[in-house]
Amino acid sequence: MADYPVPAKSLAEAMSAQTNLHVFGAVVAILEGGTLSSYSGSSARRIIAICHKEQQRQLKLMDKAVAAVNKRAAQLDGGQEGSESNG
């Protein structure tokens, strides 16, 4: 596998979104695990719904960032192949 210079911003965005997905997933797991008293059930359900919504947003951000990185890698790969066949 070749090393590709990738857009640092896109790579950082993808990494950040993945980290956020893990954090929101952990929050959901804690709340669904029954760690709260029964009196907090409605609050927990609201927080879980917020986390699920944010997870979907983070997935979209991550997909967009990964697509940008893959697009750049494909551009570089295409350019390198072209220069190798001419050389």
PDB file of N, CA and C in Angstrom:
ATOM      1  N   MET A   1       0.848  -1.184   0.000  1.00  0.00           N
ATOM      2  CA  MET A   1       0.000   0.000   0.000  1.00  0.00           C
ATOM      3  C   MET A   1       0.883   1.234   0.000  1.00  0.00           C
ATOM      4  N   ALA A   2       0.591   2.153  -0.889  1.00  0.00           N
ATOM      5  CA  ALA A   2       1.386   3.371  -1.019  1.00  0.00           C
ATOM      6  C   ALA A   2       1.008   4.377   0.056  1.00  0.00           C
ATOM      7  N   ASP A   3       1.989   5.235   0.375  1.00  0.00           N
ATOM      8  CA  ASP A   3       1.714   6.327   1.310  1.00  0.00           C
ATOM      9  C   ASP A   3       1.197   7.511   0.512  1.00  0.00           C
ATOM     10  N   TYR A   4       0.079   8.075   0.970  1.00  0.00           N
ATOM     11  CA  TYR A   4      -0.533   9.191   0.277  1.00  0.00           C
ATOM     12  C   TYR A   4      -0.592  10.406   1.187  1.00  0.00           C
ATOM     13  N   PRO A   5      -0.194  11.560   0.677  1.00  0.00           N
ATOM     14  CA  PRO A   5      -0.464  12.761   1.461  1.00  0.00           C
ATOM     15  C   PRO A   5      -1.968  13.032   1.399  1.00  0.00           C
ATOM     16  N   VAL A   6      -2.604  13.062   2.520  1.00  0.00           N
ATOM     17  CA  VAL A   6      -4.050  13.271   2.539  1.00  0.00           C
ATOM     18  C   VAL A   6      -4.345  14.621   3.162  1.00  0.00           C
ATOM     19  N   PRO A   7      -5.499  15.177   2.856  1.00  0.00           N
ATOM     20  CA  PRO A   7      -5.860  16.457   3.454  1.00  0.00           C
ATOM     21  C   PRO A   7      -5.947  16.316   4.975  1.00  0.00           C
ATOM     22  N   ALA A   8      -5.097  17.046   5.664  1.00  0.00           N
ATOM     23  CA  ALA A   8      -5.037  16.934   7.128  1.00  0.00           C
ATOM     24  C   ALA A   8      -6.370  17.296   7.766  1.00  0.00           C
ATOM     25  N   LYS A   9      -7.047  18.284   7.223  1.00  0.00           N
ATOM     26  CA  LYS A   9      -8.324  18.706   7.802  1.00  0.00           C
ATOM     27  C   LYS A   9      -9.357  17.584   7.707  1.00  0.00           C
ATOM     28  N   SER A  10      -9.446  16.943   6.563  1.00  0.00           N
ATOM     29  CA  SER A  10     -10.414  15.855   6.383  1.00  0.00           C
ATOM     30  C   SER A  10     -10.093  14.681   7.286  1.00  0.00           C
ATOM     31  N   LEU A  11      -8.816  14.363   7.416  1.00  0.00           N
ATOM     32  CA  LEU A  11      -8.412  13.262   8.274  1.00  0.00           C
ATOM     33  C   LEU A  11      -8.730  13.577   9.734  1.00  0.00           C
ATOM     34  N   ALA A  12      -8.449  14.810  10.153  1.00  0.00           N
ATOM     35  CA  ALA A  12      -8.750  15.220  11.528  1.00  0.00           C
ATOM     36  C   ALA A  12     -10.251  15.199  11.791  1.00  0.00           C
ATOM     37  N   GLU A  13     -11.048  15.621  10.815  1.00  0.00           N
ATOM     38  CA  GLU A  13     -12.507  15.601  10.968  1.00  0.00           C
ATOM     39  C   GLU A  13     -13.021  14.172  11.122  1.00  0.00           C
ATOM     40  N   ALA A  14     -12.481  13.260  10.329  1.00  0.00           N
ATOM     41  CA  ALA A  14     -12.903  11.857  10.413  1.00  0.00           C
ATOM     42  C   ALA A  14     -12.540  11.269  11.770  1.00  0.00           C
ATOM     43  N   MET A  15     -11.340  11.558  12.238  1.00  0.00           N
ATOM     44  CA  MET A  15     -10.900  11.044  13.537  1.00  0.00           C
ATOM     45  C   MET A  15     -11.735  11.626  14.677  1.00  0.00           C
ATOM     46  N   SER A  16     -12.022  12.901  14.588  1.00  0.00           N
ATOM     47  CA  SER A  16     -12.831  13.555  15.622  1.00  0.00           C
ATOM     48  C   SER A  16     -14.244  12.980  15.654  1.00  0.00           C
ATOM     49  N   ALA A  17     -14.831  12.800  14.495  1.00  0.00           N
ATOM     50  CA  ALA A  17     -16.185  12.240  14.426  1.00  0.00           C
ATOM     51  C   ALA A  17     -16.210  10.816  14.983  1.00  0.00           C
ATOM     52  N   GLN A  18     -15.184  10.032  14.693  1.00  0.00           N
ATOM     53  CA  GLN A  18     -15.140   8.668  15.211  1.00  0.00           C
ATOM     54  C   GLN A  18     -15.023   8.673  16.734  1.00  0.00           C
ATOM     55  N   THR A  19     -14.203   9.552  17.263  1.00  0.00           N
ATOM     56  CA  THR A  19     -14.083   9.676  18.722  1.00  0.00           C
ATOM     57  C   THR A  19     -15.414  10.073  19.336  1.00  0.00           C
ATOM     58  N   ASN A  20     -16.082  11.032  18.726  1.00  0.00           N
ATOM     59  CA  ASN A  20     -17.391  11.473  19.223  1.00  0.00           C
ATOM     60  C   ASN A  20     -18.408  10.337  19.198  1.00  0.00           C
ATOM     61  N   LEU A  21     -18.364   9.526  18.148  1.00  0.00           N
ATOM     62  CA  LEU A  21     -19.266   8.377  18.071  1.00  0.00           C
ATOM     63  C   LEU A  21     -19.049   7.432  19.250  1.00  0.00           C
ATOM     64  N   HIS A  22     -17.807   7.196  19.591  1.00  0.00           N
ATOM     65  CA  HIS A  22     -17.502   6.319  20.727  1.00  0.00           C
ATOM     66  C   HIS A  22     -18.005   6.920  22.037  1.00  0.00           C
ATOM     67  N   VAL A  23     -17.825   8.221  22.198  1.00  0.00           N
ATOM     68  CA  VAL A  23     -18.258   8.876  23.441  1.00  0.00           C
ATOM     69  C   VAL A  23     -19.778   8.805  23.573  1.00  0.00           C
ATOM     70  N   PHE A  24     -20.495   9.162  22.530  1.00  0.00           N
ATOM     71  CA  PHE A  24     -21.957   9.110  22.592  1.00  0.00           C
ATOM     72  C   PHE A  24     -22.447   7.676  22.773  1.00  0.00           C
ATOM     73  N   GLY A  25     -21.752   6.726  22.156  1.00  0.00           N
ATOM     74  CA  GLY A  25     -22.102   5.325  22.348  1.00  0.00           C
ATOM     75  C   GLY A  25     -21.909   4.883  23.791  1.00  0.00           C
ATOM     76  N   ALA A  26     -20.850   5.372  24.414  1.00  0.00           N
ATOM     77  CA  ALA A  26     -20.601   5.035  25.824  1.00  0.00           C
ATOM     78  C   ALA A  26     -21.684   5.622  26.726  1.00  0.00           C
ATOM     79  N   VAL A  27     -22.082   6.858  26.423  1.00  0.00           N
ATOM     80  CA  VAL A  27     -23.147   7.493  27.220  1.00  0.00           C
ATOM     81  C   VAL A  27     -24.435   6.682  27.115  1.00  0.00           C
ATOM     82  N   VAL A  28     -24.783   6.284  25.902  1.00  0.00           N
ATOM     83  CA  VAL A  28     -25.989   5.475  25.694  1.00  0.00           C
ATOM     84  C   VAL A  28     -25.875   4.156  26.449  1.00  0.00           C
ATOM     85  N   ALA A  29     -24.719   3.504  26.370  1.00  0.00           N
ATOM     86  CA  ALA A  29     -24.534   2.219  27.049  1.00  0.00           C
ATOM     87  C   ALA A  29     -24.695   2.362  28.560  1.00  0.00           C
ATOM     88  N   ILE A  30     -24.174   3.431  29.106  1.00  0.00           N
ATOM     89  CA  ILE A  30     -24.306   3.660  30.551  1.00  0.00           C
ATOM     90  C   ILE A  30     -25.769   3.861  30.925  1.00  0.00           C
ATOM     91  N   LEU A  31     -26.455   4.691  30.158  1.00  0.00           N
ATOM     92  CA  LEU A  31     -27.851   4.991  30.479  1.00  0.00           C
ATOM     93  C   LEU A  31     -28.761   3.786  30.260  1.00  0.00           C
ATOM     94  N   GLU A  32     -28.488   2.998  29.227  1.00  0.00           N
ATOM     95  CA  GLU A  32     -29.309   1.820  28.968  1.00  0.00           C
ATOM     96  C   GLU A  32     -28.982   0.669  29.928  1.00  0.00           C
ATOM     97  N   GLY A  33     -27.842   0.775  30.594  1.00  0.00           N
ATOM     98  CA  GLY A  33     -27.413  -0.289  31.483  1.00  0.00           C
ATOM     99  C   GLY A  33     -28.096  -0.288  32.832  1.00  0.00           C
ATOM    100  N   GLY A  34     -29.009   0.627  33.044  1.00  0.00           N
ATOM    101  CA  GLY A  34     -29.758   0.641  34.283  1.00  0.00           C
ATOM    102  C   GLY A  34     -29.007   1.200  35.471  1.00  0.00           C
ATOM    103  N   THR A  35     -28.052   2.079  35.216  1.00  0.00           N
ATOM    104  CA  THR A  35     -27.278   2.643  36.321  1.00  0.00           C
ATOM    105  C   THR A  35     -28.027   3.750  37.060  1.00  0.00           C
ATOM    106  N   LEU A  36     -29.100   4.258  36.472  1.00  0.00           N
ATOM    107  CA  LEU A  36     -29.880   5.316  37.107  1.00  0.00           C
ATOM    108  C   LEU A  36     -31.086   4.738  37.833  1.00  0.00           C
ATOM    109  N   SER A  37     -31.564   5.479  38.787  1.00  0.00           N
ATOM    110  CA  SER A  37     -32.776   5.040  39.488  1.00  0.00           C
ATOM    111  C   SER A  37     -33.968   5.137  38.546  1.00  0.00           C
ATOM    112  N   SER A  38     -35.031   4.456  38.897  1.00  0.00           N
ATOM    113  CA  SER A  38     -36.217   4.444  38.040  1.00  0.00           C
ATOM    114  C   SER A  38     -36.841   5.839  37.915  1.00  0.00           C
ATOM    115  N   TYR A  39     -36.550   6.704  38.849  1.00  0.00           N
ATOM    116  CA  TYR A  39     -37.088   8.062  38.796  1.00  0.00           C
ATOM    117  C   TYR A  39     -36.474   8.886  37.666  1.00  0.00           C
ATOM    118  N   SER A  40     -35.337   8.450  37.166  1.00  0.00           N
ATOM    119  CA  SER A  40     -34.631   9.199  36.127  1.00  0.00           C
ATOM    120  C   SER A  40     -34.869   8.640  34.735  1.00  0.00           C
ATOM    121  N   GLY A  41     -35.794   7.720  34.598  1.00  0.00           N
ATOM    122  CA  GLY A  41     -36.023   7.053  33.321  1.00  0.00           C
ATOM    123  C   GLY A  41     -36.369   7.980  32.180  1.00  0.00           C
ATOM    124  N   SER A  42     -37.256   8.934  32.419  1.00  0.00           N
ATOM    125  CA  SER A  42     -37.658   9.825  31.325  1.00  0.00           C
ATOM    126  C   SER A  42     -36.496  10.720  30.901  1.00  0.00           C
ATOM    127  N   SER A  43     -35.705  11.166  31.852  1.00  0.00           N
ATOM    128  CA  SER A  43     -34.526  11.975  31.513  1.00  0.00           C
ATOM    129  C   SER A  43     -33.531  11.144  30.720  1.00  0.00           C
ATOM    130  N   ALA A  44     -33.329   9.912  31.150  1.00  0.00           N
ATOM    131  CA  ALA A  44     -32.403   9.027  30.437  1.00  0.00           C
ATOM    132  C   ALA A  44     -32.868   8.799  29.004  1.00  0.00           C
ATOM    133  N   ARG A  45     -34.158   8.592  28.810  1.00  0.00           N
ATOM    134  CA  ARG A  45     -34.682   8.386  27.447  1.00  0.00           C
ATOM    135  C   ARG A  45     -34.449   9.614  26.577  1.00  0.00           C
ATOM    136  N   ARG A  46     -34.614  10.805  27.142  1.00  0.00           N
ATOM    137  CA  ARG A  46     -34.365  12.040  26.376  1.00  0.00           C
ATOM    138  C   ARG A  46     -32.888  12.154  26.006  1.00  0.00           C
ATOM    139  N   ILE A  47     -32.021  11.857  26.958  1.00  0.00           N
ATOM    140  CA  ILE A  47     -30.587  11.937  26.690  1.00  0.00           C
ATOM    141  C   ILE A  47     -30.181  10.907  25.643  1.00  0.00           C
ATOM    142  N   ILE A  48     -30.721   9.708  25.737  1.00  0.00           N
ATOM    143  CA  ILE A  48     -30.428   8.661  24.753  1.00  0.00           C
ATOM    144  C   ILE A  48     -30.881   9.099  23.363  1.00  0.00           C
ATOM    145  N   ALA A  49     -32.051   9.700  23.271  1.00  0.00           N
ATOM    146  CA  ALA A  49     -32.543  10.178  21.968  1.00  0.00           C
ATOM    147  C   ALA A  49     -31.616  11.257  21.408  1.00  0.00           C
ATOM    148  N   ILE A  50     -31.155  12.154  22.265  1.00  0.00           N
ATOM    149  CA  ILE A  50     -30.218  13.200  21.825  1.00  0.00           C
ATOM    150  C   ILE A  50     -28.919  12.564  21.337  1.00  0.00           C
ATOM    151  N   CYS A  51     -28.425  11.581  22.082  1.00  0.00           N
ATOM    152  CA  CYS A  51     -27.189  10.898  21.694  1.00  0.00           C
ATOM    153  C   CYS A  51     -27.342  10.182  20.356  1.00  0.00           C
ATOM    154  N   HIS A  52     -28.462   9.512  20.156  1.00  0.00           N
ATOM    155  CA  HIS A  52     -28.694   8.808  18.884  1.00  0.00           C
ATOM    156  C   HIS A  52     -28.730   9.800  17.721  1.00  0.00           C
ATOM    157  N   LYS A  53     -29.369  10.927  17.934  1.00  0.00           N
ATOM    158  CA  LYS A  53     -29.427  11.950  16.885  1.00  0.00           C
ATOM    159  C   LYS A  53     -28.026  12.478  16.575  1.00  0.00           C
ATOM    160  N   GLU A  54     -27.262  12.717  17.607  1.00  0.00           N
ATOM    161  CA  GLU A  54     -25.897  13.212  17.410  1.00  0.00           C
ATOM    162  C   GLU A  54     -25.004  12.154  16.776  1.00  0.00           C
ATOM    163  N   GLN A  55     -25.209  10.894  17.098  1.00  0.00           N
ATOM    164  CA  GLN A  55     -24.446   9.828  16.452  1.00  0.00           C
ATOM    165  C   GLN A  55     -24.694   9.819  14.951  1.00  0.00           C
ATOM    166  N   GLN A  56     -25.934  10.023  14.547  1.00  0.00           N
ATOM    167  CA  GLN A  56     -26.244  10.067  13.117  1.00  0.00           C
ATOM    168  C   GLN A  56     -25.543  11.245  12.440  1.00  0.00           C
ATOM    169  N   ARG A  57     -25.515  12.377  13.129  1.00  0.00           N
ATOM    170  CA  ARG A  57     -24.833  13.559  12.585  1.00  0.00           C
ATOM    171  C   ARG A  57     -23.331  13.290  12.470  1.00  0.00           C
ATOM    172  N   GLN A  58     -22.752  12.668  13.484  1.00  0.00           N
ATOM    173  CA  GLN A  58     -21.326  12.363  13.457  1.00  0.00           C
ATOM    174  C   GLN A  58     -20.986  11.351  12.361  1.00  0.00           C
ATOM    175  N   LEU A  59     -21.873  10.375  12.145  1.00  0.00           N
ATOM    176  CA  LEU A  59     -21.664   9.417  11.058  1.00  0.00           C
ATOM    177  C   LEU A  59     -21.615  10.116   9.702  1.00  0.00           C
ATOM    178  N   LYS A  60     -22.515  11.069   9.502  1.00  0.00           N
ATOM    179  CA  LYS A  60     -22.524  11.819   8.238  1.00  0.00           C
ATOM    180  C   LYS A  60     -21.239  12.623   8.077  1.00  0.00           C
ATOM    181  N   LEU A  61     -20.797  13.263   9.166  1.00  0.00           N
ATOM    182  CA  LEU A  61     -19.549  14.028   9.105  1.00  0.00           C
ATOM    183  C   LEU A  61     -18.367  13.114   8.806  1.00  0.00           C
ATOM    184  N   MET A  62     -18.333  11.961   9.459  1.00  0.00           N
ATOM    185  CA  MET A  62     -17.242  11.027   9.249  1.00  0.00           C
ATOM    186  C   MET A  62     -17.250  10.491   7.817  1.00  0.00           C
ATOM    187  N   ASP A  63     -18.416  10.124   7.321  1.00  0.00           N
ATOM    188  CA  ASP A  63     -18.519   9.626   5.949  1.00  0.00           C
ATOM    189  C   ASP A  63     -18.031  10.664   4.944  1.00  0.00           C
ATOM    190  N   LYS A  64     -18.404  11.917   5.160  1.00  0.00           N
ATOM    191  CA  LYS A  64     -17.996  12.989   4.264  1.00  0.00           C
ATOM    192  C   LYS A  64     -16.477  13.181   4.303  1.00  0.00           C
ATOM    193  N   ALA A  65     -15.903  13.159   5.491  1.00  0.00           N
ATOM    194  CA  ALA A  65     -14.466  13.345   5.633  1.00  0.00           C
ATOM    195  C   ALA A  65     -13.695  12.172   5.036  1.00  0.00           C
ATOM    196  N   VAL A  66     -14.157  10.954   5.277  1.00  0.00           N
ATOM    197  CA  VAL A  66     -13.490   9.770   4.723  1.00  0.00           C
ATOM    198  C   VAL A  66     -13.592   9.784   3.199  1.00  0.00           C
ATOM    199  N   ALA A  67     -14.719  10.203   2.673  1.00  0.00           N
ATOM    200  CA  ALA A  67     -14.868  10.289   1.219  1.00  0.00           C
ATOM    201  C   ALA A  67     -13.870  11.284   0.628  1.00  0.00           C
ATOM    202  N   ALA A  68     -13.643  12.397   1.320  1.00  0.00           N
ATOM    203  CA  ALA A  68     -12.670  13.387   0.843  1.00  0.00           C
ATOM    204  C   ALA A  68     -11.260  12.809   0.850  1.00  0.00           C
ATOM    205  N   VAL A  69     -10.924  12.068   1.889  1.00  0.00           N
ATOM    206  CA  VAL A  69      -9.606  11.432   1.967  1.00  0.00           C
ATOM    207  C   VAL A  69      -9.468  10.395   0.858  1.00  0.00           C
ATOM    208  N   ASN A  70     -10.485   9.567   0.662  1.00  0.00           N
ATOM    209  CA  ASN A  70     -10.436   8.541  -0.386  1.00  0.00           C
ATOM    210  C   ASN A  70     -10.356   9.156  -1.770  1.00  0.00           C
ATOM    211  N   LYS A  71     -11.070  10.248  -1.982  1.00  0.00           N
ATOM    212  CA  LYS A  71     -11.042  10.923  -3.280  1.00  0.00           C
ATOM    213  C   LYS A  71      -9.633  11.434  -3.568  1.00  0.00           C
ATOM    214  N   ARG A  72      -9.013  12.024  -2.553  1.00  0.00           N
ATOM    215  CA  ARG A  72      -7.654  12.542  -2.734  1.00  0.00           C
ATOM    216  C   ARG A  72      -6.675  11.394  -2.997  1.00  0.00           C
ATOM    217  N   ALA A  73      -6.836  10.307  -2.283  1.00  0.00           N
ATOM    218  CA  ALA A  73      -5.959   9.156  -2.487  1.00  0.00           C
ATOM    219  C   ALA A  73      -6.115   8.606  -3.904  1.00  0.00           C
ATOM    220  N   ALA A  74      -7.354   8.555  -4.385  1.00  0.00           N
ATOM    221  CA  ALA A  74      -7.599   8.065  -5.749  1.00  0.00           C
ATOM    222  C   ALA A  74      -6.984   9.001  -6.783  1.00  0.00           C
ATOM    223  N   GLN A  75      -7.073  10.298  -6.520  1.00  0.00           N
ATOM    224  CA  GLN A  75      -6.467  11.263  -7.438  1.00  0.00           C
ATOM    225  C   GLN A  75      -4.958  11.073  -7.493  1.00  0.00           C
ATOM    226  N   LEU A  76      -4.356  10.908  -6.334  1.00  0.00           N
ATOM    227  CA  LEU A  76      -2.908  10.713  -6.281  1.00  0.00           C
ATOM    228  C   LEU A  76      -2.508   9.390  -6.909  1.00  0.00           C
ATOM    229  N   ASP A  77      -3.296   8.349  -6.654  1.00  0.00           N
ATOM    230  CA  ASP A  77      -3.002   7.039  -7.220  1.00  0.00           C
ATOM    231  C   ASP A  77      -3.083   7.096  -8.740  1.00  0.00           C
ATOM    232  N   GLY A  78      -4.096   7.767  -9.253  1.00  0.00           N
ATOM    233  CA  GLY A  78      -4.244   7.907 -10.698  1.00  0.00           C
ATOM    234  C   GLY A  78      -3.103   8.689 -11.308  1.00  0.00           C
ATOM    235  N   GLY A  79      -2.673   9.728 -10.634  1.00  0.00           N
ATOM    236  CA  GLY A  79      -1.561  10.531 -11.122  1.00  0.00           C
ATOM    237  C   GLY A  79      -0.252   9.774 -11.095  1.00  0.00           C
ATOM    238  N   GLN A  80      -0.034   8.947 -10.063  1.00  0.00           N
ATOM    239  CA  GLN A  80       1.192   8.174  -9.958  1.00  0.00           C
ATOM    240  C   GLN A  80       1.233   7.079 -11.001  1.00  0.00           C
ATOM    241  N   GLU A  81       0.095   6.448 -11.245  1.00  0.00           N
ATOM    242  CA  GLU A  81       0.059   5.395 -12.253  1.00  0.00           C
ATOM    243  C   GLU A  81       0.356   5.961 -13.628  1.00  0.00           C
ATOM    244  N   GLY A  82      -0.195   7.142 -13.893  1.00  0.00           N
ATOM    245  CA  GLY A  82       0.040   7.770 -15.185  1.00  0.00           C
ATOM    246  C   GLY A  82       1.507   8.116 -15.398  1.00  0.00           C
ATOM    247  N   SER A  83       2.173   8.606 -14.349  1.00  0.00           N
ATOM    248  CA  SER A  83       3.585   8.968 -14.488  1.00  0.00           C
ATOM    249  C   SER A  83       4.461   7.724 -14.603  1.00  0.00           C
ATOM    250  N   GLU A  84       4.072   6.614 -13.965  1.00  0.00           N
ATOM    251  CA  GLU A  84       4.848   5.378 -14.067  1.00  0.00           C
ATOM    252  C   GLU A  84       4.759   4.782 -15.465  1.00  0.00           C
ATOM    253  N   SER A  85       3.579   4.864 -16.098  1.00  0.00           N
ATOM    254  CA  SER A  85       3.425   4.274 -17.421  1.00  0.00           C
ATOM    255  C   SER A  85       4.132   5.110 -18.487  1.00  0.00           C
ATOM    256  N   ASN A  86       4.354   6.402 -18.210  1.00  0.00           N
ATOM    257  CA  ASN A  86       5.039   7.248 -19.167  1.00  0.00           C
ATOM    258  C   ASN A  86       6.551   7.180 -18.986  1.00  0.00           C
ATOM    259  N   GLY A  87       7.019   6.639 -17.847  1.00  0.00           N
ATOM    260  CA  GLY A  87       8.447   6.694 -17.523  1.00  0.00           C
ATOM    261  C   GLY A  87       9.149   5.508 -17.921  1.00  0.00           C
TER     262      GLY A  87
END
